[in-house]
């Protein structure tokens, strides 16, 4: 389930949210393995997450 307000976020932030959720298919929890996977598929995830947080504030 995605937040309806996500449509207001920049596209790279939306990509981050969708990629984050897809990583949960393999790794259900926010452990080290999850963030390792997220970093492999999206090396700049921290920057994108910050943009999403600013857009959703």
N, C-alpha and C. Protein backbone atom coordinates (compact mmCIF):
# COMPACT_ATOMS: atom_id res chain seq x y z
N UNK A 1 0.86 -1.17 0.00
CA UNK A 1 0.00 0.00 0.00
C UNK A 1 0.90 1.24 0.00
N UNK A 2 0.65 2.14 -0.91
CA UNK A 2 1.43 3.38 -1.00
C UNK A 2 0.58 4.56 -0.55
N UNK A 3 1.22 5.53 0.04
CA UNK A 3 0.57 6.74 0.51
C UNK A 3 0.11 7.57 -0.70
N UNK A 4 -1.11 8.03 -0.70
CA UNK A 4 -1.63 8.84 -1.81
C UNK A 4 -0.84 10.12 -2.01
N UNK A 5 -0.29 10.67 -0.92
CA UNK A 5 0.47 11.92 -1.03
C UNK A 5 1.81 11.72 -1.75
N UNK A 6 2.20 10.49 -1.96
CA UNK A 6 3.46 10.21 -2.64
C UNK A 6 3.51 10.84 -4.02
N UNK A 7 2.37 11.01 -4.64
CA UNK A 7 2.32 11.61 -5.98
C UNK A 7 2.90 13.03 -5.98
N UNK A 8 2.95 13.67 -4.83
CA UNK A 8 3.49 15.02 -4.71
C UNK A 8 5.02 15.03 -4.64
N UNK A 9 5.62 13.88 -4.44
CA UNK A 9 7.07 13.79 -4.26
C UNK A 9 7.78 13.81 -5.62
N UNK A 10 9.06 14.18 -5.62
CA UNK A 10 9.86 14.12 -6.86
C UNK A 10 9.94 12.66 -7.36
N UNK A 11 10.11 12.49 -8.66
CA UNK A 11 10.13 11.15 -9.24
C UNK A 11 11.20 10.25 -8.63
N UNK A 12 12.39 10.79 -8.36
CA UNK A 12 13.43 9.94 -7.79
C UNK A 12 13.07 9.49 -6.38
N UNK A 13 12.29 10.28 -5.68
CA UNK A 13 11.82 9.88 -4.35
C UNK A 13 10.75 8.79 -4.46
N UNK A 14 9.91 8.89 -5.48
CA UNK A 14 8.90 7.85 -5.72
C UNK A 14 9.60 6.54 -6.08
N UNK A 15 10.62 6.63 -6.92
CA UNK A 15 11.41 5.44 -7.27
C UNK A 15 11.99 4.80 -6.01
N UNK A 16 12.46 5.63 -5.08
CA UNK A 16 13.01 5.11 -3.83
C UNK A 16 11.95 4.31 -3.07
N UNK A 17 10.77 4.85 -2.92
CA UNK A 17 9.71 4.19 -2.14
C UNK A 17 9.34 2.85 -2.79
N UNK A 18 9.19 2.85 -4.09
CA UNK A 18 8.82 1.60 -4.78
C UNK A 18 9.94 0.58 -4.67
N UNK A 19 11.18 1.00 -4.84
CA UNK A 19 12.32 0.10 -4.72
C UNK A 19 12.43 -0.43 -3.30
N UNK A 20 12.23 0.45 -2.31
CA UNK A 20 12.25 0.05 -0.91
C UNK A 20 11.23 -1.05 -0.65
N UNK A 21 10.02 -0.86 -1.14
CA UNK A 21 8.97 -1.85 -0.93
C UNK A 21 9.26 -3.15 -1.67
N UNK A 22 9.83 -3.07 -2.86
CA UNK A 22 10.18 -4.29 -3.60
C UNK A 22 11.29 -5.07 -2.88
N UNK A 23 12.20 -4.38 -2.23
CA UNK A 23 13.24 -5.07 -1.46
C UNK A 23 12.63 -5.87 -0.32
N UNK A 24 11.49 -5.43 0.17
CA UNK A 24 10.81 -6.16 1.24
C UNK A 24 10.27 -7.52 0.78
N UNK A 25 10.15 -7.71 -0.52
CA UNK A 25 9.74 -9.02 -1.03
C UNK A 25 10.78 -10.07 -0.64
N UNK A 26 12.05 -9.68 -0.71
CA UNK A 26 13.15 -10.58 -0.36
C UNK A 26 13.50 -10.52 1.12
N UNK A 27 13.54 -9.30 1.66
CA UNK A 27 13.93 -9.08 3.06
C UNK A 27 12.80 -8.34 3.78
N UNK A 28 12.00 -9.04 4.56
CA UNK A 28 10.82 -8.41 5.18
C UNK A 28 11.11 -7.39 6.28
N UNK A 29 12.29 -7.44 6.87
CA UNK A 29 12.60 -6.55 7.99
C UNK A 29 13.71 -5.57 7.63
N UNK A 30 13.80 -4.49 8.38
CA UNK A 30 14.81 -3.45 8.15
C UNK A 30 16.13 -3.80 8.83
N UNK A 31 16.64 -4.96 8.56
CA UNK A 31 17.93 -5.38 9.11
C UNK A 31 19.06 -5.04 8.16
N UNK A 32 20.24 -5.45 8.54
CA UNK A 32 21.44 -5.17 7.74
C UNK A 32 21.32 -5.75 6.33
N UNK A 33 20.75 -6.94 6.21
CA UNK A 33 20.61 -7.57 4.89
C UNK A 33 19.69 -6.76 3.99
N UNK A 34 18.64 -6.20 4.56
CA UNK A 34 17.72 -5.36 3.78
C UNK A 34 18.46 -4.16 3.22
N UNK A 35 19.20 -3.45 4.07
CA UNK A 35 19.88 -2.23 3.61
C UNK A 35 21.04 -2.54 2.67
N UNK A 36 21.62 -3.71 2.81
CA UNK A 36 22.65 -4.16 1.87
C UNK A 36 22.03 -4.35 0.48
N UNK A 37 20.87 -5.00 0.44
CA UNK A 37 20.16 -5.20 -0.83
C UNK A 37 19.74 -3.86 -1.42
N UNK A 38 19.16 -3.00 -0.62
CA UNK A 38 18.72 -1.68 -1.10
C UNK A 38 19.90 -0.90 -1.66
N UNK A 39 21.04 -0.96 -0.98
CA UNK A 39 22.24 -0.27 -1.47
C UNK A 39 22.76 -0.83 -2.78
N UNK A 40 22.58 -2.11 -3.00
CA UNK A 40 23.02 -2.72 -4.27
C UNK A 40 22.16 -2.26 -5.42
N UNK A 41 20.85 -2.22 -5.22
CA UNK A 41 19.95 -1.86 -6.32
C UNK A 41 19.76 -0.35 -6.47
N UNK A 42 20.05 0.40 -5.40
CA UNK A 42 19.89 1.85 -5.45
C UNK A 42 20.95 2.49 -4.54
N UNK A 43 22.16 2.67 -5.07
CA UNK A 43 23.26 3.17 -4.24
C UNK A 43 23.00 4.54 -3.60
N UNK A 44 22.17 5.37 -4.21
CA UNK A 44 21.90 6.71 -3.66
C UNK A 44 20.59 6.77 -2.89
N UNK A 45 20.17 5.66 -2.28
CA UNK A 45 18.88 5.60 -1.59
C UNK A 45 18.76 6.61 -0.47
N UNK A 46 19.85 6.92 0.22
CA UNK A 46 19.77 7.88 1.34
C UNK A 46 19.37 9.27 0.85
N UNK A 47 19.96 9.69 -0.27
CA UNK A 47 19.62 11.00 -0.84
C UNK A 47 18.15 11.02 -1.27
N UNK A 48 17.72 9.96 -1.90
CA UNK A 48 16.33 9.88 -2.35
C UNK A 48 15.36 9.87 -1.17
N UNK A 49 15.74 9.15 -0.12
CA UNK A 49 14.89 9.10 1.08
C UNK A 49 14.76 10.49 1.69
N UNK A 50 15.85 11.24 1.74
CA UNK A 50 15.80 12.60 2.28
C UNK A 50 14.88 13.48 1.43
N UNK A 51 14.95 13.35 0.12
CA UNK A 51 14.07 14.13 -0.76
C UNK A 51 12.61 13.78 -0.50
N UNK A 52 12.33 12.49 -0.32
CA UNK A 52 10.96 12.07 -0.03
C UNK A 52 10.49 12.65 1.30
N UNK A 53 11.35 12.60 2.31
CA UNK A 53 10.98 13.14 3.63
C UNK A 53 10.70 14.63 3.55
N UNK A 54 11.51 15.37 2.80
CA UNK A 54 11.27 16.81 2.66
C UNK A 54 9.96 17.08 1.90
N UNK A 55 9.70 16.30 0.87
CA UNK A 55 8.50 16.50 0.07
C UNK A 55 7.23 16.15 0.85
N UNK A 56 7.33 15.19 1.76
CA UNK A 56 6.16 14.72 2.49
C UNK A 56 5.96 15.47 3.82
N UNK A 57 6.87 16.36 4.16
CA UNK A 57 6.78 17.09 5.44
C UNK A 57 5.64 18.09 5.43
